[in-house]
């Protein structure tokens, strides 16, 4: 029983240490979506996080765990100033 507790504690420690920071998300966004105007962490659960980035056309949400970012939601934003023909 004691050994199982150590294993769970070790797994939790690894998850906490590898939870990506805002700097890591910033470099991820600059590399993948250079036109992201706003981005940041919207939920921090200590072992994982939810991040969001916005630009003029899209809002993207990412699940971050173990140093990686996984896109979980992309929503096209309505922009009344943009022509449909562009």
C-alpha atoms as a PDB file:
ATOM      1  CA  UNK A   1       0.000   0.000   0.000  1.00  0.00           C
ATOM      2  CA  UNK A   2       2.849   2.345   0.823  1.00  0.00           C
ATOM      3  CA  UNK A   3       4.475   1.639  -2.529  1.00  0.00           C
ATOM      4  CA  UNK A   4       1.296   2.580  -4.432  1.00  0.00           C
ATOM      5  CA  UNK A   5       1.242   5.920  -2.611  1.00  0.00           C
ATOM      6  CA  UNK A   6       4.823   6.624  -3.691  1.00  0.00           C
ATOM      7  CA  UNK A   7       4.017   5.757  -7.282  1.00  0.00           C
ATOM      8  CA  UNK A   8       0.966   8.055  -7.327  1.00  0.00           C
ATOM      9  CA  UNK A   9       3.001  10.850  -5.706  1.00  0.00           C
ATOM     10  CA  UNK A  10       5.754  10.410  -8.306  1.00  0.00           C
ATOM     11  CA  UNK A  11       3.264  10.540 -11.186  1.00  0.00           C
ATOM     12  CA  UNK A  12       1.651  13.687  -9.767  1.00  0.00           C
ATOM     13  CA  UNK A  13       5.065  15.292  -9.299  1.00  0.00           C
ATOM     14  CA  UNK A  14       5.986  14.600 -12.928  1.00  0.00           C
ATOM     15  CA  UNK A  15       2.693  16.101 -14.104  1.00  0.00           C
ATOM     16  CA  UNK A  16       3.144  19.234 -11.971  1.00  0.00           C
ATOM     17  CA  UNK A  17       6.743  19.778 -13.087  1.00  0.00           C
ATOM     18  CA  UNK A  18       5.925  19.303 -16.781  1.00  0.00           C
ATOM     19  CA  UNK A  19       2.792  21.502 -16.809  1.00  0.00           C
ATOM     20  CA  UNK A  20       3.635  23.999 -19.592  1.00  0.00           C
ATOM     21  CA  UNK A  21       4.178  27.631 -18.617  1.00  0.00           C
ATOM     22  CA  UNK A  22       2.841  30.763 -20.302  1.00  0.00           C
ATOM     23  CA  UNK A  23       6.286  31.287 -21.876  1.00  0.00           C
ATOM     24  CA  UNK A  24       6.160  27.858 -23.463  1.00  0.00           C
ATOM     25  CA  UNK A  25       2.688  28.588 -24.803  1.00  0.00           C
ATOM     26  CA  UNK A  26       3.892  31.936 -26.159  1.00  0.00           C
ATOM     27  CA  UNK A  27       6.713  30.240 -28.070  1.00  0.00           C
ATOM     28  CA  UNK A  28       4.253  27.576 -29.293  1.00  0.00           C
ATOM     29  CA  UNK A  29       1.906  30.270 -30.603  1.00  0.00           C
ATOM     30  CA  UNK A  30       4.668  32.343 -32.192  1.00  0.00           C
ATOM     31  CA  UNK A  31       5.847  29.224 -34.021  1.00  0.00           C
ATOM     32  CA  UNK A  32       2.474  27.929 -35.156  1.00  0.00           C
ATOM     33  CA  UNK A  33       0.140  30.908 -35.374  1.00  0.00           C
ATOM     34  CA  UNK A  34       2.240  34.034 -35.788  1.00  0.00           C
ATOM     35  CA  UNK A  35      -0.823  36.252 -36.104  1.00  0.00           C
ATOM     36  CA  UNK A  36      -2.268  35.421 -32.666  1.00  0.00           C
ATOM     37  CA  UNK A  37      -3.011  38.758 -31.052  1.00  0.00           C
ATOM     38  CA  UNK A  38      -4.120  37.609 -27.600  1.00  0.00           C
ATOM     39  CA  UNK A  39      -3.230  34.454 -25.761  1.00  0.00           C
ATOM     40  CA  UNK A  40      -3.005  33.150 -22.244  1.00  0.00           C
ATOM     41  CA  UNK A  41      -3.859  30.531 -19.674  1.00  0.00           C
ATOM     42  CA  UNK A  42      -7.550  30.437 -18.846  1.00  0.00           C
ATOM     43  CA  UNK A  43      -7.470  27.498 -16.379  1.00  0.00           C
ATOM     44  CA  UNK A  44      -4.593  26.123 -14.314  1.00  0.00           C
ATOM     45  CA  UNK A  45      -5.169  22.746 -12.685  1.00  0.00           C
ATOM     46  CA  UNK A  46      -1.460  22.400 -11.649  1.00  0.00           C
ATOM     47  CA  UNK A  47      -1.098  19.043 -13.431  1.00  0.00           C
ATOM     48  CA  UNK A  48      -2.532  20.389 -16.693  1.00  0.00           C
ATOM     49  CA  UNK A  49      -3.790  23.704 -18.092  1.00  0.00           C
ATOM     50  CA  UNK A  50      -6.201  25.131 -20.639  1.00  0.00           C
ATOM     51  CA  UNK A  51      -4.851  27.901 -22.881  1.00  0.00           C
ATOM     52  CA  UNK A  52      -6.599  30.140 -25.384  1.00  0.00           C
ATOM     53  CA  UNK A  53      -5.370  32.219 -28.304  1.00  0.00           C
ATOM     54  CA  UNK A  54      -7.340  34.746 -30.319  1.00  0.00           C
ATOM     55  CA  UNK A  55      -6.745  36.492 -33.604  1.00  0.00           C
ATOM     56  CA  UNK A  56      -9.074  38.421 -35.889  1.00  0.00           C
ATOM     57  CA  UNK A  57     -10.696  35.275 -37.313  1.00  0.00           C
ATOM     58  CA  UNK A  58     -10.354  32.394 -34.832  1.00  0.00           C
ATOM     59  CA  UNK A  59     -10.388  31.504 -31.145  1.00  0.00           C
ATOM     60  CA  UNK A  60      -8.417  28.362 -30.346  1.00  0.00           C
ATOM     61  CA  UNK A  61      -8.293  26.446 -27.070  1.00  0.00           C
ATOM     62  CA  UNK A  62      -5.520  24.044 -26.119  1.00  0.00           C
ATOM     63  CA  UNK A  63      -5.158  21.351 -23.486  1.00  0.00           C
ATOM     64  CA  UNK A  64      -1.610  21.441 -22.087  1.00  0.00           C
ATOM     65  CA  UNK A  65      -0.022  18.504 -20.286  1.00  0.00           C
ATOM     66  CA  UNK A  66       3.444  16.932 -20.079  1.00  0.00           C
ATOM     67  CA  UNK A  67       5.010  19.863 -21.950  1.00  0.00           C
ATOM     68  CA  UNK A  68       2.700  19.512 -24.974  1.00  0.00           C
ATOM     69  CA  UNK A  69      -0.237  21.475 -26.360  1.00  0.00           C
ATOM     70  CA  UNK A  70      -3.238  19.742 -27.922  1.00  0.00           C
ATOM     71  CA  UNK A  71      -5.813  21.797 -29.792  1.00  0.00           C
ATOM     72  CA  UNK A  72      -9.235  20.944 -28.384  1.00  0.00           C
ATOM     73  CA  UNK A  73     -11.483  23.623 -29.867  1.00  0.00           C
ATOM     74  CA  UNK A  74     -11.364  26.097 -32.757  1.00  0.00           C
ATOM     75  CA  UNK A  75     -14.150  28.585 -33.259  1.00  0.00           C
ATOM     76  CA  UNK A  76     -14.456  30.950 -36.203  1.00  0.00           C
ATOM     77  CA  UNK A  77     -15.290  34.428 -34.968  1.00  0.00           C
ATOM     78  CA  UNK A  78     -17.806  36.647 -36.675  1.00  0.00           C
ATOM     79  CA  UNK A  79     -16.216  39.807 -38.038  1.00  0.00           C
ATOM     80  CA  UNK A  80     -18.788  42.237 -39.507  1.00  0.00           C
ATOM     81  CA  UNK A  81     -16.034  44.458 -40.914  1.00  0.00           C
ATOM     82  CA  UNK A  82     -14.564  41.753 -43.126  1.00  0.00           C
ATOM     83  CA  UNK A  83     -15.904  41.138 -46.600  1.00  0.00           C
ATOM     84  CA  UNK A  84     -17.149  37.664 -47.476  1.00  0.00           C
ATOM     85  CA  UNK A  85     -15.245  37.880 -50.783  1.00  0.00           C
ATOM     86  CA  UNK A  86     -11.811  38.200 -49.166  1.00  0.00           C
END
